[in-house]
Protein backbone atom coordinates (compact mmCIF):
# COMPACT_ATOMS: atom_id res chain seq x y z
CA MET A 1 -137.27 88.11 -106.59
CA THR A 2 -133.81 89.07 -105.30
CA SER A 3 -131.05 89.19 -107.87
CA TYR A 4 -127.56 88.16 -106.77
CA PRO A 5 -124.30 88.91 -108.55
CA GLU A 6 -122.70 86.05 -110.44
CA TYR A 7 -120.57 83.87 -108.17
CA VAL A 8 -116.87 84.35 -108.78
CA PRO A 9 -114.62 81.89 -106.94
CA TYR A 10 -111.70 83.16 -104.92
CA PRO A 11 -108.63 83.31 -107.16
CA PHE A 12 -106.75 80.50 -105.46
CA GLN A 13 -104.96 77.67 -107.20
CA ALA A 14 -103.74 74.93 -104.90
CA GLU A 15 -100.55 73.12 -105.80
CA HIS A 16 -101.19 69.38 -106.06
CA HIS A 17 -98.63 67.02 -104.56
CA VAL A 18 -97.78 63.46 -105.53
CA ALA A 19 -97.85 60.64 -103.04
CA THR A 20 -94.62 59.08 -101.88
CA HIS A 21 -94.05 55.56 -100.64
CA PRO A 22 -91.06 55.00 -98.35
CA VAL A 23 -88.74 52.01 -98.44
CA CYS A 24 -90.45 49.17 -96.59
CA THR A 25 -89.63 45.64 -95.52
CA ASN A 26 -92.62 43.31 -95.27
CA GLY A 27 -94.99 46.29 -95.43
CA LEU A 28 -93.30 48.21 -92.57
CA GLU A 29 -91.26 51.36 -93.19
CA ASP A 30 -87.57 50.66 -92.59
CA HIS A 31 -87.07 53.30 -89.89
CA SER A 32 -89.06 54.72 -87.00
CA HIS A 33 -90.09 58.35 -86.52
CA ARG A 34 -89.98 60.42 -83.39
CA VAL A 35 -93.31 62.16 -84.16
CA VAL A 36 -96.01 61.49 -86.74
CA ILE A 37 -98.85 63.99 -87.16
CA ALA A 38 -102.11 62.81 -88.71
CA GLY A 39 -103.57 65.66 -90.75
CA GLY A 40 -102.03 68.55 -92.65
CA GLY A 41 -104.62 71.15 -91.74
CA PRO A 42 -103.98 74.26 -89.64
CA VAL A 43 -103.43 72.32 -86.40
CA GLY A 44 -101.22 69.66 -88.00
CA PHE A 45 -98.99 72.15 -89.79
CA ALA A 46 -98.78 74.44 -86.74
CA THR A 47 -97.81 71.46 -84.57
CA ALA A 48 -95.08 70.44 -87.02
CA LEU A 49 -93.76 74.03 -87.07
CA GLY A 50 -93.75 74.25 -83.27
CA LEU A 51 -91.82 71.00 -83.02
CA ALA A 52 -89.36 72.05 -85.75
CA LYS A 53 -88.63 75.31 -83.93
CA GLN A 54 -87.54 73.08 -81.01
CA GLY A 55 -85.41 70.90 -83.30
CA VAL A 56 -87.85 67.96 -83.29
CA ALA A 57 -88.36 66.19 -86.62
CA SER A 58 -91.84 65.07 -87.66
CA VAL A 59 -93.77 63.46 -90.49
CA VAL A 60 -97.15 64.95 -91.43
CA LEU A 61 -99.58 62.51 -93.05
CA GLU A 62 -102.22 64.22 -95.21
CA ALA A 63 -104.94 62.26 -97.02
CA ASP A 64 -105.53 64.93 -99.68
CA ASP A 65 -103.13 65.97 -102.44
CA SER A 66 -103.20 69.69 -101.60
CA VAL A 67 -104.29 72.19 -99.02
CA CYS A 68 -108.06 72.19 -98.69
CA PHE A 69 -110.23 73.86 -101.28
CA GLY A 70 -113.23 75.63 -99.96
CA SER A 71 -113.32 76.99 -96.48
CA ARG A 72 -113.98 75.06 -93.32
CA ALA A 73 -112.90 78.00 -91.20
CA ILE A 74 -112.77 81.71 -91.84
CA CYS A 75 -111.61 83.51 -88.69
CA VAL A 76 -108.33 83.50 -86.85
CA SER A 77 -108.39 84.78 -83.28
CA ARG A 78 -105.96 87.20 -81.67
CA ARG A 79 -104.44 84.43 -79.56
CA SER A 80 -103.93 82.25 -82.65
CA LEU A 81 -102.22 85.19 -84.40
CA GLU A 82 -99.84 85.51 -81.45
CA ILE A 83 -98.96 81.81 -81.78
CA LEU A 84 -98.60 82.04 -85.57
CA HIS A 85 -96.14 84.93 -85.18
CA ARG A 86 -94.12 82.86 -82.68
CA LEU A 87 -94.06 80.05 -85.25
CA GLY A 88 -92.62 82.46 -87.83
CA VAL A 89 -95.58 82.57 -90.24
CA GLY A 90 -97.44 85.60 -88.87
CA ALA A 91 -96.33 87.95 -91.65
CA GLY A 92 -98.24 85.86 -94.19
CA PHE A 93 -101.40 86.19 -92.09
CA ASP A 94 -100.87 89.93 -91.72
CA ALA A 95 -100.49 90.33 -95.48
CA ILE A 96 -103.62 88.38 -96.47
CA GLY A 97 -106.00 88.53 -93.50
CA LEU A 98 -108.76 91.08 -93.03
CA PRO A 99 -108.70 92.32 -89.41
CA TRP A 100 -111.95 93.30 -87.69
CA THR A 101 -113.24 94.24 -84.25
CA GLY A 102 -117.02 93.92 -84.52
CA GLY A 103 -119.91 92.85 -86.61
CA ARG A 104 -123.56 93.26 -87.50
CA SER A 105 -126.10 90.70 -88.70
CA PHE A 106 -129.30 91.45 -90.55
CA TYR A 107 -132.46 89.46 -91.20
CA LYS A 108 -134.81 90.74 -93.90
CA GLY A 109 -133.15 94.13 -93.78
CA GLN A 110 -133.41 94.52 -90.01
CA GLU A 111 -130.38 94.39 -87.75
CA VAL A 112 -130.70 91.47 -85.35
CA LEU A 113 -127.19 91.43 -83.84
CA ARG A 114 -124.46 93.96 -83.24
CA PHE A 115 -121.27 93.32 -81.31
CA GLU A 116 -117.85 94.80 -80.62
CA MET A 117 -114.89 92.77 -79.43
CA PRO A 118 -112.44 94.20 -76.90
CA GLN A 119 -109.62 96.14 -78.56
CA ASP A 120 -107.24 98.71 -77.14
CA ASP A 121 -103.87 100.27 -77.92
CA ASN A 122 -102.10 97.60 -75.82
CA GLN A 123 -103.15 94.84 -78.23
CA GLN A 124 -100.71 93.96 -80.99
CA PHE A 125 -103.34 92.17 -83.11
CA ALA A 126 -106.98 92.65 -83.98
CA PRO A 127 -109.44 90.42 -82.09
CA MET A 128 -110.20 88.50 -85.31
CA VAL A 129 -108.79 88.20 -88.80
CA ASN A 130 -110.83 86.80 -91.69
CA MET A 131 -108.91 84.49 -93.98
CA ALA A 132 -110.12 81.49 -95.98
CA GLN A 133 -108.87 78.16 -94.65
CA TYR A 134 -107.03 77.31 -97.86
CA SER A 135 -105.02 80.52 -97.45
CA ILE A 136 -104.44 79.65 -93.79
CA GLU A 137 -103.16 76.20 -94.78
CA LYS A 138 -101.05 77.54 -97.65
CA THR A 139 -99.42 80.13 -95.40
CA LEU A 140 -98.62 77.43 -92.83
CA LEU A 141 -97.38 75.08 -95.57
CA ASP A 142 -94.99 77.79 -96.77
CA GLY A 143 -93.58 77.86 -93.24
CA VAL A 144 -93.40 74.06 -93.10
CA GLN A 145 -91.47 73.94 -96.38
CA ALA A 146 -88.82 76.22 -94.87
CA TYR A 147 -88.15 73.38 -92.38
CA HIS A 148 -87.90 70.63 -95.02
CA HIS A 149 -84.91 69.19 -93.16
CA LEU A 150 -87.12 68.55 -90.09
CA ILE A 151 -90.66 68.23 -91.49
CA GLU A 152 -91.68 65.69 -94.10
CA VAL A 153 -95.20 66.04 -95.52
CA ARG A 154 -96.58 62.87 -97.07
CA TRP A 155 -99.48 63.78 -99.32
CA GLN A 156 -102.20 61.32 -100.32
CA THR A 157 -101.42 59.26 -97.23
CA ALA A 158 -104.50 58.34 -95.20
CA VAL A 159 -104.28 56.79 -91.75
CA THR A 160 -106.36 53.61 -91.68
CA GLY A 161 -105.38 52.15 -88.32
CA ILE A 162 -103.50 52.80 -85.10
CA THR A 163 -101.99 50.15 -82.84
CA ARG A 164 -100.30 51.01 -79.55
CA ASN A 165 -97.30 48.86 -78.64
CA GLU A 166 -94.62 48.84 -75.91
CA ASP A 167 -92.27 51.24 -77.68
CA GLY A 168 -94.73 53.63 -79.36
CA VAL A 169 -97.42 53.43 -81.99
CA ARG A 170 -97.73 51.64 -85.31
CA LEU A 171 -99.82 53.42 -87.94
CA ALA A 172 -101.40 51.70 -90.92
CA VAL A 173 -101.70 54.01 -93.93
CA LYS A 174 -102.82 53.79 -97.52
CA THR A 175 -101.50 55.67 -100.54
CA PRO A 176 -102.17 55.40 -104.28
CA GLN A 177 -98.99 53.25 -104.46
CA GLY A 178 -100.30 50.85 -101.80
CA ALA A 179 -100.64 50.40 -98.07
CA TYR A 180 -97.82 50.24 -95.54
CA GLN A 181 -97.19 50.68 -91.83
CA LEU A 182 -94.87 53.01 -89.97
CA HIS A 183 -93.71 53.26 -86.38
CA THR A 184 -93.53 56.38 -84.24
CA ASP A 185 -92.39 57.03 -80.70
């Protein structure tokens, strides 16, 4: 029987965030938003950062109370690293990520796959960087928090419905403090 070392979880402690409930009249938030982003994962936070760098305010709605725990993704591609550097958060990825150019897979001690990804001196970044998704999200969240005047993150706010209307979209959301609706262009 194969013996495996004891599992030791990655030393990551996510900060937990409280839910907020905006001022509402008859269950509708009192003011409209230019952009609302559903989901505070890598794509949601990167979108908010990209908009903020252009001076566009946004609200990010995230159902959880923290960045994810556990990993849903593990690799960041070269192209994504280029974008992350343009968004101003690349240094955090460089500091934590493990760059690599190839890999090998084994089955019962026998190599069944070997590959090398293109890499040359003209490339600024490795083809791939390994980094747990919670570290990806935390690094992006650090960047988002630097734009607190343009990006509002609403934790524990789950989207429960979307209705298109003539002047935008109305979102129904639920929080621990209760449900409400908000409007976005």
